[in-house]
Amino acid sequence: MSYLLRFHLLTSVMLASAGALGVALVAQYGYQLNPCELCSYQRIPYGSIILFGGLALAFGGWNRAAVGYLFGVIFLVGAALAFYHTGVEQHWWQSATSCGGHQPMPRSLAELKVGLTQSMSKQCDDIDWTLFGFSMSVYNIVASLVLSTACIFSARLKG
């Protein structure tokens, strides 16, 4: 594990991020588990890791400690998003007002027609799937915290 963190952090974390995005996309398109707005936001840190990691690999000469810390912070942001989503799912706090399931009342017949042709987005407090009683956002908290810890630990080894 220490060898992977010390010498292959970038590729390991990029593969883990690609795997997380792959699982989310298979759940969405393979099993029709449509994401809510917060679910979609939770994919952004993984995509960012792939983007920044690809840039670091393409340009070379990158500072391994700085990249480790940057990735650690990105994963902490992902964990915070997942924690916020878990709180919404468990009704610990209210969701943002734009979090699905709400459509404004149409003011004209044209707006009504448009509203009828659009599908309503999923509410963020709806849990479609659980494993051992935990939703995907809980597993995302764990994955993001583990990856963040690995990145920061790796950066400290290099720093």
N, C-alpha and C. Protein backbone atom coordinates (compact mmCIF):
# COMPACT_ATOMS: atom_id res chain seq x y z
N MET A 1 0.84 -1.20 0.00
CA MET A 1 0.00 0.00 0.00
C MET A 1 0.87 1.25 0.00
N SER A 2 1.90 1.26 0.84
CA SER A 2 2.79 2.42 0.90
C SER A 2 3.48 2.64 -0.44
N TYR A 3 3.87 1.55 -1.12
CA TYR A 3 4.50 1.67 -2.44
C TYR A 3 3.54 2.31 -3.43
N LEU A 4 2.28 1.86 -3.42
CA LEU A 4 1.28 2.45 -4.32
C LEU A 4 1.10 3.93 -4.04
N LEU A 5 1.03 4.29 -2.78
CA LEU A 5 0.83 5.70 -2.43
C LEU A 5 2.04 6.54 -2.80
N ARG A 6 3.22 5.99 -2.60
CA ARG A 6 4.42 6.78 -2.82
C ARG A 6 4.70 6.98 -4.31
N PHE A 7 4.52 5.95 -5.12
CA PHE A 7 4.96 6.02 -6.50
C PHE A 7 3.83 6.04 -7.53
N HIS A 8 2.68 5.60 -7.18
CA HIS A 8 1.60 5.49 -8.16
C HIS A 8 0.31 6.17 -7.69
N LEU A 9 0.44 7.21 -6.91
CA LEU A 9 -0.74 7.90 -6.39
C LEU A 9 -1.63 8.38 -7.52
N LEU A 10 -1.03 9.04 -8.49
CA LEU A 10 -1.81 9.65 -9.55
C LEU A 10 -2.64 8.62 -10.31
N THR A 11 -2.01 7.57 -10.78
CA THR A 11 -2.76 6.57 -11.55
C THR A 11 -3.74 5.81 -10.67
N SER A 12 -3.35 5.52 -9.43
CA SER A 12 -4.25 4.79 -8.53
C SER A 12 -5.51 5.58 -8.23
N VAL A 13 -5.34 6.87 -7.95
CA VAL A 13 -6.49 7.72 -7.61
C VAL A 13 -7.34 7.98 -8.86
N MET A 14 -6.69 8.12 -10.01
CA MET A 14 -7.46 8.29 -11.24
C MET A 14 -8.28 7.04 -11.55
N LEU A 15 -7.70 5.86 -11.34
CA LEU A 15 -8.45 4.61 -11.56
C LEU A 15 -9.60 4.47 -10.57
N ALA A 16 -9.37 4.83 -9.31
CA ALA A 16 -10.44 4.78 -8.31
C ALA A 16 -11.57 5.74 -8.69
N SER A 17 -11.21 6.92 -9.17
CA SER A 17 -12.22 7.91 -9.58
C SER A 17 -13.00 7.41 -10.79
N ALA A 18 -12.29 6.83 -11.75
CA ALA A 18 -12.97 6.28 -12.92
C ALA A 18 -13.90 5.14 -12.51
N GLY A 19 -13.47 4.34 -11.55
CA GLY A 19 -14.33 3.26 -11.05
C GLY A 19 -15.58 3.79 -10.38
N ALA A 20 -15.43 4.84 -9.57
CA ALA A 20 -16.59 5.43 -8.90
C ALA A 20 -17.57 6.01 -9.92
N LEU A 21 -17.04 6.72 -10.91
CA LEU A 21 -17.92 7.26 -11.96
C LEU A 21 -18.56 6.13 -12.75
N GLY A 22 -17.80 5.07 -13.00
CA GLY A 22 -18.35 3.92 -13.73
C GLY A 22 -19.51 3.28 -12.98
N VAL A 23 -19.35 3.11 -11.67
CA VAL A 23 -20.44 2.54 -10.86
C VAL A 23 -21.67 3.43 -10.92
N ALA A 24 -21.47 4.75 -10.82
CA ALA A 24 -22.60 5.68 -10.87
C ALA A 24 -23.31 5.61 -12.22
N LEU A 25 -22.54 5.53 -13.30
CA LEU A 25 -23.15 5.49 -14.63
C LEU A 25 -23.85 4.16 -14.90
N VAL A 26 -23.28 3.06 -14.40
CA VAL A 26 -23.96 1.76 -14.55
C VAL A 26 -25.26 1.75 -13.75
N ALA A 27 -25.24 2.32 -12.54
CA ALA A 27 -26.46 2.41 -11.74
C ALA A 27 -27.51 3.24 -12.46
N GLN A 28 -27.06 4.34 -13.09
CA GLN A 28 -28.01 5.23 -13.77
C GLN A 28 -28.56 4.61 -15.04
N TYR A 29 -27.68 4.15 -15.91
CA TYR A 29 -28.14 3.69 -17.23
C TYR A 29 -28.43 2.19 -17.28
N GLY A 30 -27.77 1.41 -16.44
CA GLY A 30 -28.01 -0.02 -16.44
C GLY A 30 -29.18 -0.45 -15.57
N TYR A 31 -29.39 0.28 -14.48
CA TYR A 31 -30.43 -0.10 -13.52
C TYR A 31 -31.49 0.98 -13.32
N GLN A 32 -31.47 2.00 -14.16
CA GLN A 32 -32.45 3.10 -14.14
C GLN A 32 -32.58 3.75 -12.76
N LEU A 33 -31.47 3.90 -12.05
CA LEU A 33 -31.45 4.63 -10.79
C LEU A 33 -31.06 6.07 -11.11
N ASN A 34 -32.05 6.85 -11.49
CA ASN A 34 -31.79 8.21 -11.94
C ASN A 34 -31.30 9.08 -10.80
N PRO A 35 -30.25 9.87 -11.05
CA PRO A 35 -29.69 10.70 -9.99
C PRO A 35 -30.48 11.98 -9.77
N CYS A 36 -30.46 12.44 -8.54
CA CYS A 36 -31.01 13.76 -8.25
C CYS A 36 -29.90 14.78 -8.50
N GLU A 37 -30.20 16.03 -8.24
CA GLU A 37 -29.22 17.09 -8.48
C GLU A 37 -27.98 16.92 -7.60
N LEU A 38 -28.17 16.57 -6.33
CA LEU A 38 -27.02 16.37 -5.44
C LEU A 38 -26.20 15.15 -5.83
N CYS A 39 -26.87 14.11 -6.33
CA CYS A 39 -26.14 12.93 -6.82
C CYS A 39 -25.22 13.33 -7.97
N SER A 40 -25.73 14.16 -8.86
CA SER A 40 -24.92 14.62 -9.99
C SER A 40 -23.75 15.47 -9.51
N TYR A 41 -23.97 16.32 -8.53
CA TYR A 41 -22.88 17.15 -7.99
C TYR A 41 -21.77 16.29 -7.39
N GLN A 42 -22.14 15.14 -6.81
CA GLN A 42 -21.14 14.28 -6.18
C GLN A 42 -20.20 13.64 -7.19
N ARG A 43 -20.54 13.68 -8.45
CA ARG A 43 -19.67 13.13 -9.49
C ARG A 43 -18.57 14.12 -9.88
N ILE A 44 -18.76 15.38 -9.59
CA ILE A 44 -17.81 16.42 -10.02
C ILE A 44 -16.41 16.21 -9.45
N PRO A 45 -16.24 15.91 -8.16
CA PRO A 45 -14.87 15.70 -7.66
C PRO A 45 -14.15 14.55 -8.38
N TYR A 46 -14.85 13.48 -8.68
CA TYR A 46 -14.21 12.36 -9.38
C TYR A 46 -13.79 12.77 -10.79
N GLY A 47 -14.65 13.50 -11.47
CA GLY A 47 -14.30 14.01 -12.79
C GLY A 47 -13.13 14.98 -12.73
N SER A 48 -13.10 15.80 -11.68
CA SER A 48 -11.99 16.75 -11.51
C SER A 48 -10.66 16.03 -11.31
N ILE A 49 -10.69 14.97 -10.54
CA ILE A 49 -9.48 14.18 -10.32
C ILE A 49 -8.98 13.61 -11.64
N ILE A 50 -9.88 13.08 -12.44
CA ILE A 50 -9.48 12.52 -13.73
C ILE A 50 -8.92 13.61 -14.63
N LEU A 51 -9.56 14.78 -14.65
CA LEU A 51 -9.10 15.89 -15.48
C LEU A 51 -7.72 16.39 -15.03
N PHE A 52 -7.58 16.72 -13.74
CA PHE A 52 -6.30 17.24 -13.25
C PHE A 52 -5.21 16.18 -13.31
N GLY A 53 -5.57 14.93 -13.04
CA GLY A 53 -4.59 13.86 -13.14
C GLY A 53 -4.11 13.67 -14.57
N GLY A 54 -5.04 13.74 -15.51
CA GLY A 54 -4.66 13.64 -16.92
C GLY A 54 -3.75 14.77 -17.34
N LEU A 55 -4.04 15.99 -16.87
CA LEU A 55 -3.18 17.14 -17.18
C LEU A 55 -1.79 16.95 -16.57
N ALA A 56 -1.74 16.46 -15.33
CA ALA A 56 -0.45 16.24 -14.68
C ALA A 56 0.37 15.19 -15.43
N LEU A 57 -0.29 14.12 -15.86
CA LEU A 57 0.41 13.09 -16.62
C LEU A 57 0.86 13.61 -17.99
N ALA A 58 0.02 14.42 -18.62
CA ALA A 58 0.34 14.92 -19.96
C ALA A 58 1.52 15.89 -19.94
N PHE A 59 1.58 16.74 -18.93
CA PHE A 59 2.63 17.76 -18.90
C PHE A 59 3.87 17.31 -18.15
N GLY A 60 3.74 16.31 -17.29
CA GLY A 60 4.89 15.80 -16.55
C GLY A 60 5.51 16.86 -15.65
N GLY A 61 6.53 16.49 -14.92
CA GLY A 61 7.23 17.42 -14.06
C GLY A 61 6.38 18.01 -12.96
N TRP A 62 5.36 17.33 -12.52
CA TRP A 62 4.45 17.85 -11.51
C TRP A 62 4.99 17.58 -10.11
N ASN A 63 4.63 18.43 -9.20
CA ASN A 63 5.03 18.32 -7.81
C ASN A 63 4.11 17.30 -7.13
N ARG A 64 4.67 16.15 -6.80
CA ARG A 64 3.85 15.06 -6.26
C ARG A 64 3.16 15.43 -4.95
N ALA A 65 3.85 16.14 -4.09
CA ALA A 65 3.24 16.53 -2.81
C ALA A 65 2.08 17.49 -3.04
N ALA A 66 2.27 18.47 -3.91
CA ALA A 66 1.21 19.44 -4.18
C ALA A 66 -0.01 18.77 -4.80
N VAL A 67 0.23 17.84 -5.73
CA VAL A 67 -0.88 17.12 -6.35
C VAL A 67 -1.59 16.26 -5.31
N GLY A 68 -0.84 15.63 -4.42
CA GLY A 68 -1.45 14.83 -3.36
C GLY A 68 -2.34 15.66 -2.46
N TYR A 69 -1.85 16.83 -2.06
CA TYR A 69 -2.67 17.72 -1.22
C TYR A 69 -3.90 18.23 -1.98
N LEU A 70 -3.70 18.61 -3.25
CA LEU A 70 -4.83 19.08 -4.06
C LEU A 70 -5.90 18.01 -4.17
N PHE A 71 -5.48 16.78 -4.48
CA PHE A 71 -6.44 15.69 -4.60
C PHE A 71 -7.11 15.40 -3.26
N GLY A 72 -6.35 15.49 -2.17
CA GLY A 72 -6.93 15.29 -0.85
C GLY A 72 -8.03 16.29 -0.55
N VAL A 73 -7.80 17.55 -0.92
CA VAL A 73 -8.81 18.59 -0.71
C VAL A 73 -10.02 18.34 -1.61
N ILE A 74 -9.78 17.95 -2.85
CA ILE A 74 -10.91 17.67 -3.76
C ILE A 74 -11.77 16.54 -3.20
N PHE A 75 -11.14 15.50 -2.69
CA PHE A 75 -11.92 14.40 -2.11
C PHE A 75 -12.63 14.83 -0.83
N LEU A 76 -12.04 15.73 -0.05
CA LEU A 76 -12.74 16.25 1.13
C LEU A 76 -13.98 17.03 0.73
N VAL A 77 -13.90 17.78 -0.36
CA VAL A 77 -15.08 18.48 -0.88
C VAL A 77 -16.14 17.46 -1.29
N GLY A 78 -15.71 16.38 -1.93
CA GLY A 78 -16.64 15.31 -2.30
C GLY A 78 -17.30 14.68 -1.09
N ALA A 79 -16.52 14.47 -0.02
CA ALA A 79 -17.08 13.91 1.21
C ALA A 79 -18.09 14.88 1.82
N ALA A 80 -17.79 16.17 1.77
CA ALA A 80 -18.73 17.17 2.32
C ALA A 80 -20.03 17.19 1.52
N LEU A 81 -19.94 17.11 0.20
CA LEU A 81 -21.15 17.04 -0.63
C LEU A 81 -21.97 15.80 -0.30
N ALA A 82 -21.28 14.67 -0.17
CA ALA A 82 -21.98 13.42 0.15
C ALA A 82 -22.61 13.48 1.54
N PHE A 83 -21.92 14.10 2.50
CA PHE A 83 -22.48 14.25 3.84
C PHE A 83 -23.72 15.14 3.81
N TYR A 84 -23.65 16.23 3.07
CA TYR A 84 -24.81 17.11 2.93
C TYR A 84 -25.99 16.33 2.33
N HIS A 85 -25.72 15.54 1.29
CA HIS A 85 -26.77 14.76 0.65
C HIS A 85 -27.35 13.73 1.62
N THR A 86 -26.50 13.10 2.40
CA THR A 86 -26.99 12.14 3.40
C THR A 86 -27.90 12.83 4.40
N GLY A 87 -27.53 14.03 4.82
CA GLY A 87 -28.38 14.80 5.73
C GLY A 87 -29.73 15.12 5.14
N VAL A 88 -29.76 15.42 3.84
CA VAL A 88 -31.03 15.68 3.16
C VAL A 88 -31.85 14.39 3.09
N GLU A 89 -31.20 13.28 2.76
CA GLU A 89 -31.91 11.99 2.68
C GLU A 89 -32.51 11.59 4.02
N GLN A 90 -31.78 11.84 5.09
CA GLN A 90 -32.23 11.44 6.42
C GLN A 90 -33.10 12.50 7.09
N HIS A 91 -33.36 13.60 6.39
CA HIS A 91 -34.19 14.70 6.89
C HIS A 91 -33.58 15.36 8.13
N TRP A 92 -32.23 15.42 8.16
CA TRP A 92 -31.56 16.15 9.23
C TRP A 92 -31.67 17.64 8.97
N TRP A 93 -31.76 18.03 7.69
CA TRP A 93 -31.92 19.43 7.28
C TRP A 93 -32.62 19.46 5.94
N GLN A 94 -33.08 20.64 5.58
CA GLN A 94 -33.80 20.82 4.32
C GLN A 94 -32.80 20.91 3.16
N SER A 95 -33.26 20.46 2.04
CA SER A 95 -32.47 20.53 0.82
C SER A 95 -32.49 21.94 0.25
N ALA A 96 -31.60 22.19 -0.65
CA ALA A 96 -31.64 23.45 -1.40
C ALA A 96 -32.95 23.49 -2.18
N THR A 97 -33.50 24.65 -2.39
CA THR A 97 -34.81 24.75 -3.04
C THR A 97 -34.79 24.24 -4.46
N SER A 98 -33.63 24.22 -5.11
CA SER A 98 -33.57 23.77 -6.50
C SER A 98 -33.37 22.27 -6.61
N CYS A 99 -33.53 21.56 -5.53
CA CYS A 99 -33.21 20.13 -5.53
C CYS A 99 -34.38 19.27 -5.95
N GLY A 100 -34.76 19.36 -7.19
CA GLY A 100 -35.69 18.44 -7.82
C GLY A 100 -37.09 18.38 -7.25
N GLY A 101 -37.96 17.82 -8.05
CA GLY A 101 -39.31 17.56 -7.63
C GLY A 101 -40.24 18.75 -7.62
N HIS A 102 -39.74 19.91 -7.94
CA HIS A 102 -40.57 21.11 -7.89
C HIS A 102 -40.62 21.76 -9.27
N GLN A 103 -41.81 22.00 -9.75
CA GLN A 103 -41.98 22.74 -10.99
C GLN A 103 -42.91 23.91 -10.71
N PRO A 104 -42.56 25.07 -11.24
CA PRO A 104 -43.43 26.23 -11.00
C PRO A 104 -44.77 26.06 -11.70
N MET A 105 -45.77 26.71 -11.18
CA MET A 105 -47.09 26.68 -11.80
C MET A 105 -47.02 27.38 -13.15
N PRO A 106 -47.58 26.75 -14.18
CA PRO A 106 -47.55 27.39 -15.50
C PRO A 106 -48.47 28.61 -15.52
N ARG A 107 -48.00 29.65 -16.22
CA ARG A 107 -48.78 30.88 -16.32
C ARG A 107 -49.49 31.00 -17.66
N SER A 108 -49.21 30.05 -18.55
CA SER A 108 -49.88 30.09 -19.85
C SER A 108 -50.04 28.65 -20.35
N LEU A 109 -50.82 28.50 -21.39
CA LEU A 109 -51.02 27.19 -21.99
C LEU A 109 -49.72 26.66 -22.59
N ALA A 110 -48.92 27.55 -23.15
CA ALA A 110 -47.63 27.14 -23.73
C ALA A 110 -46.70 26.59 -22.65
N GLU A 111 -46.65 27.25 -21.48
CA GLU A 111 -45.83 26.76 -20.37
C GLU A 111 -46.34 25.42 -19.86
N LEU A 112 -47.66 25.23 -19.85
CA LEU A 112 -48.23 23.95 -19.43
C LEU A 112 -47.81 22.84 -20.38
N LYS A 113 -47.86 23.10 -21.69
CA LYS A 113 -47.45 22.09 -22.68
C LYS A 113 -45.98 21.72 -22.51
N VAL A 114 -45.15 22.73 -22.31
CA VAL A 114 -43.72 22.46 -22.11
C VAL A 114 -43.52 21.65 -20.83
N GLY A 115 -44.21 22.01 -19.77
CA GLY A 115 -44.09 21.30 -18.50
C GLY A 115 -44.53 19.85 -18.58
N LEU A 116 -45.53 19.57 -19.41
CA LEU A 116 -46.02 18.20 -19.56
C LEU A 116 -45.05 17.32 -20.34
N THR A 117 -44.25 17.92 -21.21
CA THR A 117 -43.30 17.14 -22.00
C THR A 117 -42.00 16.89 -21.27
N GLN A 118 -41.73 17.63 -20.21
CA GLN A 118 -40.50 17.46 -19.46
C GLN A 118 -40.73 16.52 -18.28
N SER A 119 -39.74 15.67 -18.05
CA SER A 119 -39.87 14.80 -16.88
C SER A 119 -39.44 15.58 -15.64
N MET A 120 -40.08 15.25 -14.54
CA MET A 120 -39.80 15.93 -13.29
C MET A 120 -38.51 15.36 -12.70
N SER A 121 -37.62 16.21 -12.26
CA SER A 121 -36.37 15.71 -11.70
C SER A 121 -36.64 15.07 -10.34
N LYS A 122 -35.75 14.15 -9.99
CA LYS A 122 -35.90 13.38 -8.76
C LYS A 122 -35.62 14.25 -7.54
N GLN A 123 -36.40 14.07 -6.50
CA GLN A 123 -36.16 14.79 -5.24
C GLN A 123 -34.92 14.22 -4.56
N CYS A 124 -34.19 15.09 -3.90
CA CYS A 124 -32.92 14.70 -3.29
C CYS A 124 -33.08 13.87 -2.02
N ASP A 125 -34.27 13.85 -1.43
CA ASP A 125 -34.46 13.04 -0.23
C ASP A 125 -35.05 11.67 -0.55
N ASP A 126 -35.23 11.35 -1.82
CA ASP A 126 -35.69 10.01 -2.22
C ASP A 126 -34.49 9.07 -2.30
N ILE A 127 -34.58 7.95 -1.60
CA ILE A 127 -33.51 6.95 -1.64
C ILE A 127 -34.02 5.78 -2.47
N ASP A 128 -33.40 5.56 -3.62
CA ASP A 128 -33.83 4.49 -4.52
C ASP A 128 -33.21 3.14 -4.18
N TRP A 129 -32.01 3.16 -3.64
CA TRP A 129 -31.26 1.92 -3.47
C TRP A 129 -30.43 1.99 -2.20
N THR A 130 -30.41 0.90 -1.46
CA THR A 130 -29.55 0.80 -0.28
C THR A 130 -28.85 -0.55 -0.27
N LEU A 131 -27.74 -0.61 0.42
CA LEU A 131 -27.03 -1.85 0.66
C LEU A 131 -26.70 -1.88 2.14
N PHE A 132 -27.20 -2.87 2.85
CA PHE A 132 -27.04 -2.98 4.30
C PHE A 132 -27.61 -1.76 5.02
N GLY A 133 -28.65 -1.16 4.44
CA GLY A 133 -29.31 -0.03 5.06
C GLY A 133 -28.68 1.33 4.80
N PHE A 134 -27.64 1.37 3.98
CA PHE A 134 -26.96 2.63 3.68
C PHE A 134 -27.15 2.99 2.22
N SER A 135 -27.38 4.28 1.96
CA SER A 135 -27.57 4.75 0.59
C SER A 135 -26.21 4.95 -0.08
N MET A 136 -26.25 5.22 -1.37
CA MET A 136 -25.01 5.44 -2.12
C MET A 136 -24.25 6.65 -1.62
N SER A 137 -24.95 7.65 -1.10
CA SER A 137 -24.24 8.84 -0.61
C SER A 137 -23.41 8.51 0.63
N VAL A 138 -23.86 7.58 1.45
CA VAL A 138 -23.07 7.17 2.62
C VAL A 138 -21.80 6.46 2.16
N TYR A 139 -21.93 5.58 1.17
CA TYR A 139 -20.75 4.91 0.64
C TYR A 139 -19.80 5.91 -0.02
N ASN A 140 -20.35 6.95 -0.61
CA ASN A 140 -19.51 7.98 -1.21
C ASN A 140 -18.74 8.76 -0.13
N ILE A 141 -19.36 8.98 1.02
CA ILE A 141 -18.64 9.63 2.13
C ILE A 141 -17.41 8.79 2.49
N VAL A 142 -17.63 7.50 2.67
CA VAL A 142 -16.54 6.61 3.07
C VAL A 142 -15.45 6.58 2.00
N ALA A 143 -15.84 6.40 0.75
CA ALA A 143 -14.86 6.34 -0.34
C ALA A 143 -14.07 7.64 -0.44
N SER A 144 -14.77 8.77 -0.36
CA SER A 144 -14.09 10.06 -0.47
C SER A 144 -13.13 10.29 0.68
N LEU A 145 -13.53 9.92 1.89
CA LEU A 145 -12.64 10.10 3.05
C LEU A 145 -11.42 9.18 2.97
N VAL A 146 -11.62 7.95 2.52
CA VAL A 146 -10.48 7.03 2.37
C VAL A 146 -9.52 7.56 1.31
N LEU A 147 -10.05 7.99 0.17
CA LEU A 147 -9.19 8.51 -0.89
C LEU A 147 -8.50 9.81 -0.47
N SER A 148 -9.21 10.66 0.25
CA SER A 148 -8.60 11.90 0.74
C SER A 148 -7.45 11.59 1.70
N THR A 149 -7.68 10.67 2.61
CA THR A 149 -6.64 10.28 3.56
C THR A 149 -5.43 9.71 2.84
N ALA A 150 -5.67 8.85 1.85
CA ALA A 150 -4.56 8.27 1.08
C ALA A 150 -3.77 9.36 0.35
N CYS A 151 -4.46 10.32 -0.23
CA CYS A 151 -3.78 11.40 -0.96
C CYS A 151 -2.95 12.27 -0.02
N ILE A 152 -3.53 12.64 1.11
CA ILE A 152 -2.81 13.50 2.06
C ILE A 152 -1.65 12.74 2.69
N PHE A 153 -1.85 11.47 3.00
CA PHE A 153 -0.77 10.65 3.54
C PHE A 153 0.37 10.54 2.53
N SER A 154 0.02 10.34 1.28
CA SER A 154 1.03 10.25 0.22
C SER A 154 1.77 11.57 0.07
N ALA A 155 1.05 12.68 0.14
CA ALA A 155 1.69 13.99 0.02
C ALA A 155 2.66 14.21 1.18
N ARG A 156 2.29 13.75 2.36
CA ARG A 156 3.17 13.91 3.53
C ARG A 156 4.42 13.05 3.37
N LEU A 157 4.30 11.88 2.73
CA LEU A 157 5.47 11.04 2.48
C LEU A 157 6.45 11.72 1.53
N LYS A 158 5.91 12.50 0.61
CA LYS A 158 6.74 13.16 -0.39
C LYS A 158 7.25 14.51 0.08
N GLY A 159 6.52 15.12 1.02
CA GLY A 159 6.82 16.48 1.44
C GLY A 159 7.93 16.60 2.43
